[in-house]
Amino acid sequence: MDTAAMDTATTVDMAHDAHADGHDHPSDWEYIKIALWLAFFTLIEVGTYFESVHNLPEWSLYAILTFLMIVKFIMVGWFFMHLKYDSKNYTRTFVFGLLLAIAVYLIMLLASSLFG
């Protein structure tokens, strides 16, 4: 085996060992459970668009959708993007993005209700 192939194999083995020592990933069943919860939350979101199903006031629909948006964002980031196991700086970045998205959403919601 030439030295380049040996260096590559050694680098891959070292990276695998470092990753394996770092943390345990969720099992396949945990990923399936999370996906089922996300599907359930999406079903609730879609259900808010059918007025014949509910007689909720408009503000409660916005509250439900905002809450579900936050929960789904956290679940996807925490498990599927592995923020649970990564540096806290990544978590802070995603939380900042979430807060910024919520602020923009609320500003647009207020602006459309005031000027619409």
N, C-alpha and C. Protein backbone atom coordinates (compact mmCIF):
# COMPACT_ATOMS: atom_id res chain seq x y z
N MET A 1 0.86 -1.17 0.00
CA MET A 1 0.00 0.00 0.00
C MET A 1 0.91 1.23 0.00
N ASP A 2 0.58 2.21 -0.83
CA ASP A 2 1.43 3.40 -0.88
C ASP A 2 1.16 4.29 0.34
N THR A 3 2.05 5.26 0.55
CA THR A 3 1.96 6.09 1.77
C THR A 3 0.74 6.99 1.77
N ALA A 4 0.29 7.43 0.59
CA ALA A 4 -0.90 8.29 0.53
C ALA A 4 -2.14 7.52 0.98
N ALA A 5 -2.25 6.28 0.54
CA ALA A 5 -3.40 5.46 0.94
C ALA A 5 -3.33 5.16 2.44
N MET A 6 -2.11 4.93 2.96
CA MET A 6 -1.96 4.66 4.38
C MET A 6 -2.32 5.89 5.21
N ASP A 7 -1.88 7.08 4.74
CA ASP A 7 -2.21 8.31 5.45
C ASP A 7 -3.70 8.55 5.48
N THR A 8 -4.37 8.30 4.34
CA THR A 8 -5.82 8.47 4.27
C THR A 8 -6.52 7.50 5.20
N ALA A 9 -6.10 6.24 5.18
CA ALA A 9 -6.71 5.24 6.05
C ALA A 9 -6.50 5.59 7.52
N THR A 10 -5.30 6.06 7.86
CA THR A 10 -5.02 6.44 9.24
C THR A 10 -5.87 7.63 9.66
N THR A 11 -6.01 8.62 8.79
CA THR A 11 -6.81 9.80 9.09
C THR A 11 -8.27 9.42 9.29
N VAL A 12 -8.78 8.56 8.44
CA VAL A 12 -10.16 8.11 8.56
C VAL A 12 -10.36 7.35 9.86
N ASP A 13 -9.42 6.45 10.19
CA ASP A 13 -9.52 5.70 11.44
C ASP A 13 -9.46 6.62 12.65
N MET A 14 -8.58 7.61 12.63
CA MET A 14 -8.47 8.54 13.75
C MET A 14 -9.75 9.36 13.89
N ALA A 15 -10.31 9.81 12.78
CA ALA A 15 -11.54 10.59 12.82
C ALA A 15 -12.69 9.74 13.35
N HIS A 16 -12.73 8.48 12.92
CA HIS A 16 -13.79 7.58 13.39
C HIS A 16 -13.65 7.34 14.89
N ASP A 17 -12.42 7.11 15.36
CA ASP A 17 -12.20 6.89 16.79
C ASP A 17 -12.56 8.11 17.61
N ALA A 18 -12.17 9.29 17.14
CA ALA A 18 -12.48 10.52 17.86
C ALA A 18 -13.99 10.74 17.92
N HIS A 19 -14.66 10.45 16.82
CA HIS A 19 -16.11 10.63 16.78
C HIS A 19 -16.81 9.61 17.66
N ALA A 20 -16.32 8.39 17.64
CA ALA A 20 -16.95 7.33 18.44
C ALA A 20 -16.79 7.60 19.93
N ASP A 21 -15.70 8.19 20.34
CA ASP A 21 -15.48 8.48 21.75
C ASP A 21 -16.28 9.68 22.22
N GLY A 22 -16.70 10.53 21.31
CA GLY A 22 -17.35 11.79 21.67
C GLY A 22 -18.72 11.61 22.27
N HIS A 23 -19.58 10.84 21.68
CA HIS A 23 -20.96 10.72 22.16
C HIS A 23 -21.67 9.58 21.46
N ASP A 24 -22.80 9.23 22.02
CA ASP A 24 -23.65 8.22 21.41
C ASP A 24 -24.73 8.91 20.59
N HIS A 25 -24.97 8.39 19.42
CA HIS A 25 -26.07 8.90 18.59
C HIS A 25 -27.36 8.22 19.01
N PRO A 26 -28.48 8.89 18.74
CA PRO A 26 -29.76 8.21 19.01
C PRO A 26 -29.88 6.97 18.14
N SER A 27 -30.64 6.02 18.63
CA SER A 27 -30.85 4.80 17.86
C SER A 27 -31.80 5.08 16.71
N ASP A 28 -31.92 4.13 15.81
CA ASP A 28 -32.84 4.28 14.69
C ASP A 28 -34.27 4.46 15.19
N TRP A 29 -34.64 3.72 16.21
CA TRP A 29 -36.00 3.82 16.75
C TRP A 29 -36.27 5.22 17.31
N GLU A 30 -35.25 5.83 17.94
CA GLU A 30 -35.43 7.20 18.44
C GLU A 30 -35.65 8.18 17.30
N TYR A 31 -34.92 8.00 16.20
CA TYR A 31 -35.13 8.85 15.03
C TYR A 31 -36.54 8.67 14.47
N ILE A 32 -37.01 7.44 14.47
CA ILE A 32 -38.37 7.18 13.96
C ILE A 32 -39.40 7.83 14.87
N LYS A 33 -39.22 7.74 16.19
CA LYS A 33 -40.16 8.38 17.12
C LYS A 33 -40.18 9.90 16.93
N ILE A 34 -39.01 10.48 16.74
CA ILE A 34 -38.93 11.94 16.52
C ILE A 34 -39.63 12.30 15.22
N ALA A 35 -39.41 11.52 14.18
CA ALA A 35 -40.07 11.78 12.89
C ALA A 35 -41.59 11.66 13.03
N LEU A 36 -42.06 10.70 13.82
CA LEU A 36 -43.50 10.56 14.03
C LEU A 36 -44.07 11.77 14.79
N TRP A 37 -43.36 12.24 15.79
CA TRP A 37 -43.81 13.45 16.49
C TRP A 37 -43.85 14.65 15.54
N LEU A 38 -42.82 14.78 14.70
CA LEU A 38 -42.80 15.89 13.74
C LEU A 38 -43.97 15.78 12.76
N ALA A 39 -44.28 14.57 12.33
CA ALA A 39 -45.42 14.37 11.44
C ALA A 39 -46.73 14.73 12.14
N PHE A 40 -46.85 14.36 13.42
CA PHE A 40 -48.04 14.70 14.19
C PHE A 40 -48.20 16.22 14.32
N PHE A 41 -47.11 16.90 14.63
CA PHE A 41 -47.16 18.37 14.74
C PHE A 41 -47.52 19.00 13.40
N THR A 42 -47.01 18.45 12.32
CA THR A 42 -47.34 18.95 10.99
C THR A 42 -48.82 18.73 10.69
N LEU A 43 -49.36 17.61 11.11
CA LEU A 43 -50.78 17.34 10.95
C LEU A 43 -51.62 18.39 11.68
N ILE A 44 -51.22 18.76 12.87
CA ILE A 44 -51.92 19.82 13.61
C ILE A 44 -51.83 21.14 12.85
N GLU A 45 -50.65 21.45 12.34
CA GLU A 45 -50.48 22.70 11.58
C GLU A 45 -51.40 22.73 10.36
N VAL A 46 -51.43 21.66 9.63
CA VAL A 46 -52.29 21.60 8.45
C VAL A 46 -53.76 21.71 8.86
N GLY A 47 -54.11 21.11 9.99
CA GLY A 47 -55.48 21.17 10.48
C GLY A 47 -55.94 22.57 10.82
N THR A 48 -55.00 23.46 11.14
CA THR A 48 -55.39 24.84 11.45
C THR A 48 -55.90 25.59 10.24
N TYR A 49 -55.65 25.09 9.06
CA TYR A 49 -56.08 25.78 7.84
C TYR A 49 -57.50 25.43 7.42
N PHE A 50 -58.10 24.44 8.07
CA PHE A 50 -59.46 24.05 7.73
C PHE A 50 -60.43 24.64 8.75
N GLU A 51 -61.10 25.70 8.37
CA GLU A 51 -62.00 26.39 9.29
C GLU A 51 -63.22 25.55 9.65
N SER A 52 -63.58 24.60 8.81
CA SER A 52 -64.73 23.75 9.12
C SER A 52 -64.45 22.80 10.28
N VAL A 53 -63.18 22.59 10.59
CA VAL A 53 -62.81 21.67 11.66
C VAL A 53 -62.85 22.36 13.03
N HIS A 54 -62.58 23.64 13.05
CA HIS A 54 -62.49 24.36 14.32
C HIS A 54 -63.20 25.71 14.20
N ASN A 55 -63.47 26.28 15.32
CA ASN A 55 -64.02 27.64 15.38
C ASN A 55 -63.15 28.49 16.29
N LEU A 56 -61.86 28.37 16.14
CA LEU A 56 -60.92 29.08 17.00
C LEU A 56 -60.74 30.51 16.51
N PRO A 57 -60.52 31.45 17.43
CA PRO A 57 -60.21 32.82 17.01
C PRO A 57 -58.86 32.87 16.29
N GLU A 58 -58.70 33.88 15.49
CA GLU A 58 -57.48 33.99 14.67
C GLU A 58 -56.21 34.06 15.51
N TRP A 59 -56.26 34.78 16.62
CA TRP A 59 -55.06 34.92 17.45
C TRP A 59 -54.60 33.57 17.99
N SER A 60 -55.54 32.68 18.29
CA SER A 60 -55.13 31.38 18.82
C SER A 60 -54.46 30.52 17.75
N LEU A 61 -54.90 30.68 16.50
CA LEU A 61 -54.24 29.96 15.41
C LEU A 61 -52.79 30.41 15.27
N TYR A 62 -52.57 31.74 15.37
CA TYR A 62 -51.20 32.25 15.29
C TYR A 62 -50.37 31.72 16.45
N ALA A 63 -50.96 31.67 17.63
CA ALA A 63 -50.23 31.16 18.79
C ALA A 63 -49.88 29.69 18.62
N ILE A 64 -50.84 28.90 18.15
CA ILE A 64 -50.60 27.47 17.93
C ILE A 64 -49.51 27.26 16.89
N LEU A 65 -49.61 27.97 15.78
CA LEU A 65 -48.62 27.80 14.72
C LEU A 65 -47.23 28.25 15.16
N THR A 66 -47.16 29.34 15.92
CA THR A 66 -45.86 29.81 16.41
C THR A 66 -45.25 28.81 17.38
N PHE A 67 -46.06 28.28 18.28
CA PHE A 67 -45.57 27.28 19.23
C PHE A 67 -45.06 26.04 18.50
N LEU A 68 -45.84 25.55 17.54
CA LEU A 68 -45.42 24.36 16.80
C LEU A 68 -44.17 24.62 15.98
N MET A 69 -44.04 25.83 15.44
CA MET A 69 -42.83 26.18 14.69
C MET A 69 -41.60 26.08 15.59
N ILE A 70 -41.73 26.61 16.80
CA ILE A 70 -40.60 26.59 17.74
C ILE A 70 -40.26 25.16 18.14
N VAL A 71 -41.27 24.38 18.47
CA VAL A 71 -41.03 22.99 18.90
C VAL A 71 -40.37 22.18 17.78
N LYS A 72 -40.87 22.32 16.57
CA LYS A 72 -40.29 21.56 15.45
C LYS A 72 -38.86 22.01 15.16
N PHE A 73 -38.62 23.31 15.23
CA PHE A 73 -37.26 23.83 15.00
C PHE A 73 -36.30 23.24 16.03
N ILE A 74 -36.71 23.22 17.28
CA ILE A 74 -35.85 22.69 18.34
C ILE A 74 -35.61 21.20 18.14
N MET A 75 -36.66 20.46 17.83
CA MET A 75 -36.50 19.00 17.65
C MET A 75 -35.57 18.67 16.49
N VAL A 76 -35.75 19.36 15.38
CA VAL A 76 -34.90 19.09 14.21
C VAL A 76 -33.45 19.47 14.52
N GLY A 77 -33.25 20.65 15.09
CA GLY A 77 -31.89 21.08 15.41
C GLY A 77 -31.24 20.21 16.46
N TRP A 78 -31.99 19.85 17.48
CA TRP A 78 -31.44 19.12 18.61
C TRP A 78 -31.06 17.69 18.25
N PHE A 79 -31.90 17.03 17.46
CA PHE A 79 -31.64 15.62 17.16
C PHE A 79 -31.06 15.38 15.77
N PHE A 80 -31.72 15.88 14.73
CA PHE A 80 -31.28 15.58 13.37
C PHE A 80 -30.01 16.34 12.99
N MET A 81 -29.81 17.53 13.56
CA MET A 81 -28.60 18.28 13.26
C MET A 81 -27.56 18.10 14.37
N HIS A 82 -27.85 17.26 15.34
CA HIS A 82 -26.93 16.85 16.39
C HIS A 82 -26.44 18.00 17.26
N LEU A 83 -27.25 19.05 17.44
CA LEU A 83 -26.84 20.14 18.33
C LEU A 83 -26.72 19.66 19.77
N LYS A 84 -27.43 18.61 20.08
CA LYS A 84 -27.37 18.04 21.43
C LYS A 84 -25.95 17.62 21.78
N TYR A 85 -25.18 17.24 20.77
CA TYR A 85 -23.84 16.71 21.01
C TYR A 85 -22.73 17.67 20.61
N ASP A 86 -23.06 18.77 19.94
CA ASP A 86 -22.05 19.68 19.43
C ASP A 86 -21.75 20.81 20.41
N SER A 87 -20.91 21.69 19.96
CA SER A 87 -20.50 22.84 20.75
C SER A 87 -21.70 23.73 21.07
N LYS A 88 -21.65 24.35 22.23
CA LYS A 88 -22.72 25.27 22.64
C LYS A 88 -22.79 26.49 21.71
N ASN A 89 -21.71 26.80 21.03
CA ASN A 89 -21.73 27.93 20.09
C ASN A 89 -22.71 27.67 18.94
N TYR A 90 -22.77 26.45 18.49
CA TYR A 90 -23.73 26.10 17.43
C TYR A 90 -25.16 26.26 17.94
N THR A 91 -25.39 25.83 19.17
CA THR A 91 -26.73 25.97 19.76
C THR A 91 -27.09 27.43 19.87
N ARG A 92 -26.16 28.26 20.34
CA ARG A 92 -26.43 29.70 20.46
C ARG A 92 -26.74 30.32 19.09
N THR A 93 -26.04 29.89 18.06
CA THR A 93 -26.29 30.41 16.72
C THR A 93 -27.69 30.06 16.26
N PHE A 94 -28.11 28.83 16.48
CA PHE A 94 -29.44 28.42 16.06
C PHE A 94 -30.53 29.10 16.89
N VAL A 95 -30.28 29.29 18.18
CA VAL A 95 -31.26 29.99 19.03
C VAL A 95 -31.39 31.44 18.57
N PHE A 96 -30.27 32.07 18.25
CA PHE A 96 -30.33 33.44 17.74
C PHE A 96 -31.13 33.50 16.45
N GLY A 97 -30.91 32.54 15.56
CA GLY A 97 -31.67 32.50 14.31
C GLY A 97 -33.16 32.30 14.57
N LEU A 98 -33.48 31.44 15.53
CA LEU A 98 -34.89 31.21 15.89
C LEU A 98 -35.52 32.48 16.44
N LEU A 99 -34.83 33.16 17.35
CA LEU A 99 -35.36 34.40 17.91
C LEU A 99 -35.52 35.47 16.85
N LEU A 100 -34.58 35.55 15.93
CA LEU A 100 -34.69 36.50 14.84
C LEU A 100 -35.88 36.18 13.94
N ALA A 101 -36.08 34.92 13.64
CA ALA A 101 -37.22 34.51 12.81
C ALA A 101 -38.55 34.82 13.50
N ILE A 102 -38.62 34.58 14.81
CA ILE A 102 -39.84 34.89 15.56
C ILE A 102 -40.10 36.39 15.56
N ALA A 103 -39.06 37.18 15.76
CA ALA A 103 -39.22 38.63 15.76
C ALA A 103 -39.71 39.13 14.41
N VAL A 104 -39.13 38.64 13.33
CA VAL A 104 -39.56 39.06 11.99
C VAL A 104 -41.00 38.62 11.74
N TYR A 105 -41.34 37.41 12.16
CA TYR A 105 -42.71 36.90 11.99
C TYR A 105 -43.70 37.78 12.74
N LEU A 106 -43.39 38.10 14.00
CA LEU A 106 -44.31 38.91 14.78
C LEU A 106 -44.44 40.34 14.25
N ILE A 107 -43.33 40.89 13.77
CA ILE A 107 -43.39 42.23 13.17
C ILE A 107 -44.26 42.23 11.93
N MET A 108 -44.09 41.23 11.09
CA MET A 108 -44.91 41.15 9.87
C MET A 108 -46.37 40.89 10.22
N LEU A 109 -46.63 40.09 11.22
CA LEU A 109 -47.99 39.80 11.65
C LEU A 109 -48.66 41.06 12.17
N LEU A 110 -47.93 41.82 12.97
CA LEU A 110 -48.46 43.07 13.49
C LEU A 110 -48.67 44.08 12.36
N ALA A 111 -47.70 44.18 11.48
CA ALA A 111 -47.81 45.15 10.38
C ALA A 111 -48.97 44.80 9.47
N SER A 112 -49.19 43.55 9.18
CA SER A 112 -50.28 43.18 8.30
C SER A 112 -51.64 43.39 8.97
N SER A 113 -51.72 43.22 10.29
CA SER A 113 -52.99 43.43 10.97
C SER A 113 -53.26 44.91 11.19
N LEU A 114 -52.21 45.71 11.35
CA LEU A 114 -52.41 47.15 11.54
C LEU A 114 -52.69 47.88 10.25
N PHE A 115 -52.00 47.49 9.19
CA PHE A 115 -52.12 48.22 7.92
C PHE A 115 -52.91 47.46 6.87
N GLY A 116 -53.37 46.27 7.20
CA GLY A 116 -54.05 45.44 6.22
C GLY A 116 -55.47 45.60 6.22
